[in-house]
Protein backbone atom coordinates (compact mmCIF):
# COMPACT_ATOMS: atom_id res chain seq x y z
CA MET A 1 -15.94 23.69 -12.84
CA ARG A 2 -18.87 23.17 -15.16
CA PHE A 3 -16.56 23.51 -18.14
CA PHE A 4 -14.48 20.56 -16.94
CA MET A 5 -17.50 18.45 -16.04
CA ARG A 6 -18.86 18.84 -19.56
CA LYS A 7 -15.68 17.25 -20.87
CA PHE A 8 -16.23 14.06 -18.84
CA ARG A 9 -16.58 11.68 -21.80
CA PHE A 10 -13.38 12.82 -23.44
CA SER A 11 -11.59 12.75 -20.08
CA PHE A 12 -12.71 9.19 -19.40
CA LEU A 13 -11.24 7.94 -22.67
CA LEU A 14 -8.07 9.95 -22.13
CA VAL A 15 -7.47 8.63 -18.62
CA MET A 16 -8.10 5.05 -19.69
CA VAL A 17 -5.54 5.41 -22.49
CA LEU A 18 -3.03 6.89 -20.07
CA VAL A 19 -3.54 4.07 -17.58
CA VAL A 20 -2.86 1.48 -20.27
CA LEU A 21 0.18 3.31 -21.63
CA LEU A 22 1.75 3.82 -18.22
CA MET A 23 2.16 0.13 -17.44
CA THR A 24 5.71 -1.07 -16.98
CA SER A 25 7.59 -3.55 -14.87
CA GLY A 26 9.87 -2.90 -11.93
CA SER A 27 9.94 -3.22 -8.18
CA ALA A 28 9.74 -0.33 -5.75
CA PHE A 29 9.73 -2.28 -2.52
CA PRO A 30 12.31 -2.58 0.23
CA ASN A 31 15.00 -5.21 0.62
CA GLN A 32 14.83 -5.12 4.42
CA VAL A 33 11.67 -5.68 6.47
CA ASN A 34 11.60 -6.04 10.26
CA PRO A 35 9.18 -8.14 12.36
CA PRO A 36 6.09 -6.18 13.44
CA THR A 37 6.40 -4.32 16.73
CA GLN A 38 3.76 -3.47 19.32
CA SER A 39 3.10 -0.11 17.68
CA ASP A 40 2.48 -1.84 14.35
CA LEU A 41 -0.60 -3.59 15.74
CA SER A 42 -2.62 -0.37 15.59
CA LYS A 43 -1.71 0.40 11.97
CA PRO A 44 -3.86 -0.66 8.99
CA VAL A 45 -3.08 -4.07 7.60
CA GLY A 46 -2.06 -2.58 4.28
CA VAL A 47 0.59 -0.43 5.92
CA ILE A 48 2.17 -3.40 7.72
CA PHE A 49 3.00 -6.35 5.48
CA PHE A 50 5.64 -9.06 5.74
CA ASP A 51 6.02 -11.90 3.27
CA LEU A 52 6.57 -15.32 4.90
CA ASN A 53 5.74 -17.03 1.62
CA GLY A 54 8.77 -15.85 -0.35
CA SER A 55 6.71 -14.93 -3.41
CA ALA A 56 5.46 -11.34 -2.94
CA THR A 57 7.82 -9.90 -5.57
CA ALA A 58 6.70 -12.45 -8.16
CA GLU A 59 3.04 -11.83 -7.30
CA ARG A 60 3.46 -8.08 -7.74
CA SER A 61 5.18 -8.62 -11.09
CA GLU A 62 2.19 -10.66 -12.20
CA GLN A 63 -0.11 -7.84 -11.12
CA ILE A 64 1.81 -5.41 -13.31
CA GLN A 65 1.48 -7.73 -16.30
CA ASN A 66 -2.26 -8.10 -15.62
CA MET A 67 -2.79 -4.28 -15.62
CA GLU A 68 -3.48 -4.25 -11.89
CA MET A 69 -0.68 -1.81 -10.99
CA PRO A 70 -0.52 0.72 -13.87
CA LEU A 71 1.28 3.43 -11.89
CA ASP A 72 4.42 1.42 -11.18
CA ASN A 73 7.32 3.51 -12.57
CA ALA A 74 4.93 5.68 -14.62
CA PRO A 75 6.36 8.76 -16.40
CA TYR A 76 6.56 11.81 -14.11
CA VAL A 77 5.70 9.55 -11.12
CA THR A 78 8.98 8.25 -9.74
CA THR A 79 9.68 5.65 -7.08
CA ASP A 80 10.40 8.46 -4.61
CA ASP A 81 6.98 9.97 -5.38
CA LEU A 82 5.17 6.69 -4.78
CA LEU A 83 7.02 5.61 -1.66
CA ALA A 84 7.36 8.09 1.19
CA ASN A 85 9.12 5.34 3.13
CA ALA A 86 10.08 1.70 2.75
CA ILE A 87 6.73 -0.07 2.95
CA GLU A 88 4.19 2.27 1.38
CA PRO A 89 1.79 2.73 -0.27
CA SER A 90 -0.79 0.27 0.97
CA TRP A 91 -2.52 -0.35 -2.35
CA LEU A 92 0.76 -1.57 -3.85
CA ASN A 93 2.11 -3.22 -0.72
CA ILE A 94 -0.04 -6.34 -0.40
CA PRO A 95 -0.33 -8.50 -3.54
CA LEU A 96 -3.98 -8.73 -4.56
CA SER A 97 -3.62 -12.50 -4.87
CA ARG A 98 -3.39 -12.67 -1.06
CA LEU A 99 -6.81 -11.06 -0.56
CA ARG A 100 -8.83 -14.26 -0.83
CA PHE A 101 -11.47 -15.80 1.41
CA ASP A 102 -10.23 -18.85 3.28
CA THR A 103 -12.16 -22.00 4.10
CA ALA A 104 -11.30 -24.06 7.16
CA ASP A 105 -11.70 -27.83 7.37
CA ASP A 106 -15.25 -28.75 8.26
CA HIS A 107 -15.63 -30.60 11.57
CA GLY A 108 -18.52 -32.79 10.46
CA VAL A 109 -19.40 -36.13 12.04
CA SER A 110 -18.30 -38.20 9.08
CA TRP A 111 -15.50 -38.26 6.53
CA PHE A 112 -17.99 -37.58 3.69
CA SER A 113 -19.45 -34.49 5.36
CA ARG A 114 -15.98 -33.08 5.99
CA VAL A 115 -14.83 -33.62 2.39
CA ALA A 116 -18.10 -32.41 0.88
CA GLY A 117 -18.18 -29.37 3.12
CA LYS A 118 -14.60 -28.42 2.27
CA ASN A 119 -15.16 -28.80 -1.48
CA VAL A 120 -18.45 -26.93 -1.52
CA GLY A 121 -16.95 -24.20 0.65
CA GLY A 122 -14.02 -23.92 -1.74
CA VAL A 123 -16.35 -23.42 -4.70
CA LEU A 124 -18.35 -20.78 -2.83
CA ALA A 125 -15.16 -19.05 -1.70
CA SER A 126 -13.92 -18.95 -5.31
CA LEU A 127 -17.13 -17.22 -6.39
CA ALA A 128 -16.78 -14.71 -3.58
CA ASP A 129 -13.13 -14.17 -4.53
CA GLY A 130 -14.10 -13.40 -8.11
CA PHE A 131 -16.60 -10.72 -7.13
CA PHE A 132 -14.36 -9.23 -4.45
CA ILE A 133 -11.15 -9.04 -6.48
CA GLN A 134 -12.87 -7.28 -9.39
CA ALA A 135 -14.32 -4.69 -7.03
CA THR A 136 -10.87 -4.36 -5.47
CA LEU A 137 -9.41 -3.61 -8.90
CA PHE A 138 -11.96 -0.79 -9.28
CA VAL A 139 -10.64 0.74 -6.05
CA ASN A 140 -7.01 0.30 -7.11
CA TRP A 141 -7.63 1.85 -10.52
CA GLY A 142 -9.54 4.72 -8.96
CA ILE A 143 -6.72 5.49 -6.52
CA GLU A 144 -4.09 5.36 -9.21
CA ILE A 145 -6.08 7.51 -11.64
CA ILE A 146 -6.36 10.22 -8.97
CA TYR A 147 -2.71 9.75 -8.04
CA LEU A 148 -1.74 10.12 -11.69
CA ALA A 149 -3.91 13.22 -12.12
CA PHE A 150 -2.40 14.94 -9.07
CA ARG A 151 1.21 13.91 -9.63
CA THR A 152 1.34 14.42 -13.40
CA ASN A 153 2.34 18.06 -13.77
CA TRP A 154 2.94 18.71 -17.45
CA ILE A 155 3.45 22.44 -16.93
CA SER A 156 6.47 21.82 -14.70
CA ALA A 157 7.77 18.76 -16.55
CA LEU A 158 7.46 20.38 -19.99
CA ALA A 159 8.41 23.92 -18.99
CA SER A 160 11.47 24.11 -21.22
CA HIS A 161 9.59 22.61 -24.18
CA LEU A 162 6.65 24.99 -23.73
CA THR A 163 8.69 28.16 -23.30
CA ALA A 164 11.02 27.69 -26.28
CA PRO A 165 8.38 28.05 -29.06
CA THR A 166 6.40 30.76 -27.25
CA THR A 167 9.49 32.83 -26.56
CA ALA A 168 10.60 32.40 -30.19
CA LEU A 169 7.15 33.51 -31.38
CA TRP A 170 7.18 36.56 -29.14
CA GLN A 171 10.62 37.56 -30.40
CA SER A 172 9.53 37.04 -34.00
CA LEU A 173 6.55 39.32 -33.43
CA PHE A 174 8.75 42.04 -31.95
CA GLY A 175 11.85 41.43 -34.05
CA SER A 176 15.03 42.84 -32.54
CA GLY A 177 13.08 45.49 -30.68
CA ILE A 178 9.71 47.16 -30.29
CA GLY A 179 10.31 49.64 -33.06
CA SER A 180 11.37 47.03 -35.62
CA SER A 181 8.15 44.99 -35.51
CA SER A 182 5.57 45.91 -38.11
CA LEU A 183 2.89 43.80 -36.36
CA PHE A 184 3.53 45.52 -33.06
CA GLY A 185 3.49 48.85 -34.84
CA LEU A 186 0.03 47.97 -36.22
CA PHE A 187 -1.24 47.27 -32.69
CA MET A 188 0.21 50.57 -31.50
CA MET A 189 -1.58 52.40 -34.31
CA ILE A 190 -4.86 50.76 -33.29
CA LEU A 191 -4.20 51.72 -29.69
CA PHE A 192 -3.39 55.31 -30.69
CA GLY A 193 -6.65 55.43 -32.64
CA TYR A 194 -8.58 54.42 -29.50
CA LEU A 195 -6.78 57.11 -27.49
CA LEU A 196 -7.67 59.80 -30.05
CA TYR A 197 -11.29 58.61 -30.00
CA TYR A 198 -11.42 58.82 -26.20
CA LEU A 199 -9.73 62.24 -26.27
CA ALA A 200 -12.25 63.56 -28.77
CA ARG A 201 -15.05 62.46 -26.42
CA MET A 202 -13.13 63.84 -23.42
CA GLU A 203 -13.19 60.44 -21.69
CA LEU A 204 -10.09 61.03 -19.60
CA MET A 205 -10.62 57.98 -17.34
CA ARG A 206 -10.66 55.68 -20.34
CA ILE A 207 -7.44 57.25 -21.58
CA ILE A 208 -5.81 56.66 -18.20
CA LYS A 209 -7.20 53.12 -18.01
CA THR A 210 -6.05 52.26 -21.55
CA THR A 211 -2.59 53.67 -20.98
CA GLY A 212 -2.27 51.86 -17.68
CA MET A 213 -3.44 48.53 -19.15
CA THR A 214 -0.99 48.89 -22.05
CA ILE A 215 1.95 49.55 -19.73
CA LEU A 216 0.90 46.69 -17.42
CA THR A 217 0.46 44.24 -20.30
CA LEU A 218 3.82 45.06 -21.88
CA THR A 219 5.56 44.90 -18.50
CA LEU A 220 4.08 41.48 -17.73
CA ALA A 221 4.84 40.24 -21.25
CA PHE A 222 8.49 41.26 -21.19
CA ALA A 223 8.92 39.99 -17.63
CA TYR A 224 7.36 36.64 -18.50
CA PHE A 225 9.20 35.97 -21.76
CA SER A 226 12.50 36.96 -20.15
CA ASN A 227 12.00 34.30 -17.45
CA ALA A 228 9.38 32.01 -18.95
CA GLY A 229 10.75 28.69 -17.68
CA THR A 230 11.24 29.97 -14.13
CA VAL A 231 7.78 31.55 -14.01
CA LEU A 232 6.01 28.41 -15.26
CA THR A 233 7.84 26.17 -12.79
CA ALA A 234 7.15 28.58 -9.92
CA VAL A 235 3.43 28.81 -10.69
CA SER A 236 3.22 25.04 -10.97
CA ASN A 237 5.01 24.54 -7.65
CA VAL A 238 2.77 27.07 -5.91
CA ALA A 239 -0.31 25.15 -7.08
CA ASP A 240 1.16 21.91 -5.74
CA SER A 241 2.10 23.59 -2.46
CA LEU A 242 -1.42 24.92 -1.98
CA SER A 243 -2.82 21.47 -2.75
CA GLY A 244 -0.49 19.96 -0.17
CA PHE A 245 -1.55 22.57 2.38
CA VAL A 246 -5.24 21.80 1.81
CA LEU A 247 -4.69 18.04 1.99
CA SER A 248 -2.60 18.44 5.14
CA ALA A 249 -5.08 20.77 6.84
CA VAL A 250 -8.26 18.90 5.97
CA GLY A 251 -6.89 15.38 5.77
CA GLY A 252 -4.28 15.41 8.52
CA SER A 253 -6.54 13.52 10.90
CA PHE A 254 -6.54 10.40 8.71
CA ASN A 255 -2.80 10.17 8.09
CA ASN A 256 -2.09 6.71 9.50
CA GLU A 257 1.19 6.34 7.66
CA PRO A 258 4.61 6.02 9.29
CA ASP A 259 5.81 9.11 7.44
CA GLN A 260 4.47 12.20 9.20
CA SER A 261 6.47 14.77 7.24
CA GLY A 262 3.31 16.20 5.70
CA GLY A 263 3.31 17.96 2.37
CA PHE A 264 1.68 17.23 -0.93
CA ASP A 265 3.20 13.80 -1.67
CA SER A 266 2.74 12.50 1.86
CA MET A 267 -0.90 13.54 2.13
CA LEU A 268 -1.77 12.36 -1.36
CA GLN A 269 -0.27 9.01 -0.51
CA SER A 270 -2.16 9.00 2.78
CA PHE A 271 -5.36 9.54 0.82
CA GLY A 272 -4.67 6.49 -1.37
CA SER A 273 -3.70 4.31 1.57
CA SER A 274 -6.69 5.38 3.63
CA MET A 275 -9.08 4.72 0.77
CA TRP A 276 -7.56 1.29 0.14
CA CYS A 277 -7.51 0.34 3.81
CA GLY A 278 -11.04 1.64 4.35
CA LEU A 279 -12.65 0.11 1.28
CA VAL A 280 -10.58 -3.01 0.54
CA ALA A 281 -8.64 -4.16 3.61
CA ASN A 282 -11.47 -3.47 6.04
CA SER A 283 -14.05 -5.14 3.81
CA TRP A 284 -11.86 -8.24 3.47
CA SER A 285 -11.17 -8.35 7.21
CA SER A 286 -14.85 -7.94 8.04
CA MET A 287 -15.90 -10.82 5.78
CA GLU A 288 -12.95 -13.02 6.77
CA PHE A 289 -12.89 -12.48 10.54
CA GLY A 290 -16.12 -10.63 11.34
CA THR A 291 -14.40 -7.46 12.61
CA THR A 292 -12.10 -4.65 11.52
CA ARG A 293 -11.08 -3.37 14.95
CA PRO A 294 -7.35 -3.90 15.62
CA GLN A 295 -7.95 -4.73 19.29
CA ASP A 296 -10.31 -7.55 18.27
CA LEU A 297 -7.85 -9.13 15.83
CA LEU A 298 -5.05 -10.00 18.25
CA LEU A 299 -3.76 -13.57 18.34
CA THR A 300 -4.61 -15.25 21.67
CA ASP A 301 -2.06 -17.22 23.68
CA GLU A 302 -3.93 -20.46 23.01
CA GLU A 303 -4.08 -19.82 19.26
CA TYR A 304 -0.35 -19.06 19.31
CA ARG A 305 0.47 -22.33 21.13
CA TRP A 306 -1.54 -24.36 18.62
CA MET A 307 0.17 -22.66 15.68
CA LYS A 308 3.62 -23.02 17.22
CA THR A 309 3.22 -26.78 17.65
CA ASN A 310 2.08 -27.17 14.04
CA THR A 311 5.15 -28.24 12.07
CA THR A 312 3.48 -27.51 8.71
CA ILE A 313 3.54 -23.78 9.43
CA SER A 314 7.24 -23.78 10.33
CA GLU A 315 8.20 -25.96 7.39
CA ASN A 316 6.50 -23.64 4.89
CA SER A 317 7.73 -20.25 6.17
CA TYR A 318 10.53 -18.20 4.62
CA ASP A 319 12.61 -15.21 5.63
CA PRO A 320 11.12 -12.05 4.02
CA ASN A 321 14.63 -10.59 3.67
CA SER A 322 16.29 -13.55 1.92
CA ASN A 323 16.81 -14.01 -1.80
CA PRO A 324 16.46 -16.80 -2.75
CA PRO A 325 13.90 -17.58 0.00
CA LYS A 326 15.40 -19.21 3.08
CA LYS A 327 13.31 -21.31 5.46
CA ILE A 328 12.86 -19.95 8.98
CA ASN A 329 10.84 -20.66 12.09
CA PRO A 330 8.46 -17.67 12.23
CA PHE A 331 7.80 -18.21 15.93
CA THR A 332 11.38 -18.15 17.19
CA THR A 333 12.33 -15.28 14.85
CA GLY A 334 9.50 -13.06 16.07
CA TRP A 335 7.35 -12.84 12.95
CA ILE A 336 4.44 -14.65 14.64
CA LYS A 337 4.06 -14.05 18.37
CA PRO A 338 1.32 -13.76 21.02
CA GLY A 339 -0.74 -10.63 20.44
CA ALA A 340 0.10 -10.42 16.73
CA ARG A 341 -2.60 -9.34 14.26
CA ILE A 342 -4.29 -12.38 12.72
CA ASP A 343 -4.99 -10.49 9.48
CA GLN A 344 -1.29 -9.63 9.13
CA VAL A 345 -0.33 -13.25 9.81
CA VAL A 346 -2.83 -14.71 7.30
CA LEU A 347 -1.81 -12.26 4.55
CA ALA A 348 1.85 -13.18 5.07
CA TYR A 349 1.15 -16.41 3.16
CA SER A 350 -0.29 -17.06 -0.29
CA VAL A 351 -3.57 -18.94 -0.57
CA ASN A 352 -1.90 -22.10 -1.87
CA ASN A 353 0.65 -22.30 0.97
CA PRO A 354 -0.17 -25.16 3.39
CA ALA A 355 0.86 -22.92 6.29
CA ARG A 356 -2.04 -20.55 5.57
CA GLY A 357 -4.48 -23.45 5.58
CA GLU A 358 -3.20 -24.62 8.97
CA ILE A 359 -3.44 -21.11 10.41
CA ILE A 360 -7.05 -20.89 9.22
CA ASN A 361 -7.83 -24.26 10.82
CA VAL A 362 -6.48 -23.01 14.14
CA LEU A 363 -8.57 -19.81 13.92
CA ALA A 364 -11.67 -21.95 13.19
CA ASN A 365 -10.99 -24.53 15.91
CA GLN A 366 -14.05 -24.84 18.12
CA ASP A 367 -12.10 -26.14 21.12
CA ILE A 368 -9.78 -23.20 21.85
CA ASP A 369 -10.17 -19.63 23.06
CA HIS A 370 -10.37 -17.07 20.26
CA GLY A 371 -10.63 -13.97 22.43
CA ARG A 372 -12.47 -11.05 20.87
CA HIS A 373 -12.58 -12.52 17.36
CA ALA A 374 -14.59 -15.64 18.21
CA ILE A 375 -16.89 -14.92 15.27
CA ALA A 376 -13.96 -15.67 12.95
CA ARG A 377 -14.31 -19.43 13.56
CA GLU A 378 -17.85 -19.25 12.17
CA ASN A 379 -16.94 -17.01 9.22
CA LEU A 380 -14.15 -19.38 8.17
CA LEU A 381 -16.35 -22.49 8.00
CA PRO A 382 -17.39 -23.68 4.49
CA TYR A 383 -21.12 -22.97 4.69
CA ASN A 384 -20.54 -19.33 5.63
CA LYS A 385 -18.93 -18.55 2.26
CA ILE A 386 -22.41 -17.72 0.98
CA LYS A 387 -22.28 -14.64 3.19
CA CYS A 388 -19.00 -13.65 1.54
CA ILE A 389 -20.63 -13.89 -1.90
CA VAL A 390 -23.50 -11.64 -0.83
CA PHE A 391 -21.29 -9.00 0.76
CA SER A 392 -18.79 -9.13 -2.12
CA CYS A 393 -21.64 -8.26 -4.46
CA PHE A 394 -22.60 -5.36 -2.20
CA PHE A 395 -18.96 -4.23 -2.22
CA TRP A 396 -19.27 -3.62 -5.98
CA LEU A 397 -21.49 -0.59 -5.33
CA PRO A 398 -19.04 1.58 -3.35
CA ALA A 399 -16.12 0.35 -5.46
CA THR A 400 -17.89 1.30 -8.71
CA VAL A 401 -19.01 4.65 -7.35
CA PHE A 402 -15.45 5.39 -6.27
CA LEU A 403 -14.05 4.47 -9.69
CA ILE A 404 -16.58 6.73 -11.44
CA PHE A 405 -15.77 9.53 -9.02
CA SER A 406 -12.05 9.02 -9.65
CA VAL A 407 -12.51 9.17 -13.42
CA ILE A 408 -14.49 12.40 -13.11
CA VAL A 409 -11.93 13.96 -10.76
CA GLY A 410 -8.93 12.67 -12.69
CA GLY A 411 -10.47 13.56 -16.05
CA SER A 412 -11.23 17.10 -14.90
CA MET A 413 -7.65 17.53 -13.71
CA ILE A 414 -6.25 16.17 -16.97
CA MET A 415 -8.44 18.63 -18.86
CA ALA A 416 -7.19 21.39 -16.57
CA GLN A 417 -3.60 20.46 -17.46
CA PHE A 418 -4.44 20.57 -21.18
CA THR A 419 -6.06 23.96 -20.67
CA LEU A 420 -2.93 25.33 -18.99
CA VAL A 421 -0.73 23.94 -21.75
CA ALA A 422 -2.95 25.52 -24.41
CA ILE A 423 -2.97 28.90 -22.64
CA THR A 424 0.81 28.77 -22.20
CA LEU A 425 1.34 28.14 -25.91
CA ALA A 426 -1.07 30.94 -26.81
CA LEU A 427 0.43 33.55 -24.46
CA PRO A 428 2.19 35.59 -27.21
CA ILE A 429 -1.10 36.02 -29.05
CA ILE A 430 -3.01 36.66 -25.82
CA PHE A 431 -0.64 39.46 -24.79
CA LEU A 432 -0.99 41.11 -28.20
CA VAL A 433 -4.77 40.85 -28.19
CA VAL A 434 -4.98 42.33 -24.67
CA LEU A 435 -3.30 45.47 -26.06
CA VAL A 436 -6.58 46.18 -27.88
CA PRO A 437 -8.89 48.09 -25.51
CA GLU A 438 -12.29 46.74 -24.46
CA ALA A 439 -12.61 43.63 -26.68
CA GLY A 440 -9.00 42.58 -26.06
CA TRP A 441 -9.37 43.15 -22.33
CA ASN A 442 -12.48 40.94 -22.21
CA TYR A 443 -10.64 38.20 -24.05
CA GLY A 444 -7.68 38.46 -21.67
CA TYR A 445 -10.02 38.42 -18.66
CA LYS A 446 -11.65 35.20 -19.86
CA ALA A 447 -8.28 33.58 -20.53
CA GLY A 448 -7.04 34.60 -17.07
CA ARG A 449 -10.19 33.34 -15.37
CA LEU A 450 -9.89 30.01 -17.20
CA CYS A 451 -6.23 29.75 -16.16
CA ILE A 452 -7.05 30.42 -12.49
CA ALA A 453 -9.87 27.86 -12.58
CA ALA A 454 -7.49 25.26 -14.00
CA LEU A 455 -4.81 26.02 -11.40
CA SER A 456 -7.33 25.80 -8.55
CA THR A 457 -8.65 22.41 -9.65
CA LYS A 458 -6.11 20.54 -7.50
CA ILE A 459 -7.02 22.59 -4.45
CA VAL A 460 -10.77 22.10 -4.88
CA TYR A 461 -10.49 18.36 -5.44
CA GLY A 462 -8.03 18.09 -2.56
CA ILE A 463 -10.85 19.22 -0.27
CA PHE A 464 -13.25 16.71 -1.86
CA LEU A 465 -10.80 13.83 -1.41
CA SER A 466 -10.09 14.71 2.21
CA VAL A 467 -13.76 14.88 3.13
CA ILE A 468 -14.47 11.54 1.43
CA VAL A 469 -11.68 9.81 3.37
CA LEU A 470 -12.91 11.26 6.64
CA ILE A 471 -16.42 9.94 5.95
CA ILE A 472 -15.20 6.45 5.02
CA ASN A 473 -12.96 6.21 8.08
CA LEU A 474 -15.82 7.39 10.29
CA VAL A 475 -18.17 4.75 8.87
CA PHE A 476 -15.71 1.92 9.53
CA TRP A 477 -14.90 3.31 12.97
CA LEU A 478 -18.60 3.29 13.89
CA PHE A 479 -19.53 -0.07 12.36
CA GLY A 480 -16.20 -1.91 12.17
């Protein structure tokens, strides 16, 4: 572990280069989305997303171009890896341009106070947006760096490329057989010299040990180079399986995703979604509406009636499943209904859609019942955007700490992959050196210990990630 930590600086530069190189366009999102059901109300807002604005695909494409989604279609990380089902993962699901702080119309006593309040609130909200979105990018980058580090398995992906030169080298060292290799004959002469030395000193246990180690080394060498590709892939898959087991065992309690199949990919994706929902979605919801509890975010009957009678909302809503966008009435089609989540409804529209502004005005209306999210009407007023600025600045701290943590974890895992690749390429030499008693055995022991440490990196960090998610979810459960 300390070996990998000492390589932090190099790992940081390496991961940053990889993140930049892995950017590419493409969409990995479903063509069919259904209106939210009753069971969807208890799921994190990032898990449930429906686009009533008709622009989510374009917004995501812009994110890719702006380096906000570097993992989209990355090498060795396919669409099937990223998406366990149609609407995951959360950190790619909702366009970041939707996560903005809204300002309702001010209900001042004069026209000047209303206009001034709205304009000043807009300026303050823009400042808060700037701080919040940058911190959000830190979280997104951190998640994707860890995702890349776990999912990028060069040993498995490059097995055929790694085994070809090493097998050729081993065969060149041995020629057509053991007896035809002069280099191997030299090692056997050295070994025979050690055996004579031990015999002269009557050290029978050393003779037995040396003979046994020689037979074991040659057996392992011939077995490996006869099935090198299969062995490398099997070892790689075992490491991934153990990582998935650890993530499932330790992190199973925070898997809020629709896919409950378990396994490495599912739990790794659950980690990313939980971190995004805990750090980003919950922070936005808390500053926007004053609460993160699903039961406190339900649309009241009175709020629904006011929204339904507002023609601006209906006239600016589009079917999420139509291309090109087709206008719909979101109330009659079931997208907005009594008891819906107000955060899901607000995020269904872009910030420049008039429908979103009207929804915010209804949520900030002083004359109607707002149920258990009454504080939202205060948070959405212009003068309360100062609070959003303050808390957005505070949000930088956990976001930055998480990014640094992700770089350390991801960098260590990248270094572990490089270590395994280097050991794999050096295996012919390692097997020959191990044939030399004492000094060769010590060298082989160190190489084996380094290999085991590299293979166990995923398992160790899987425990770290699971514990971190549990702590974050507990904090938001207690104070949300």
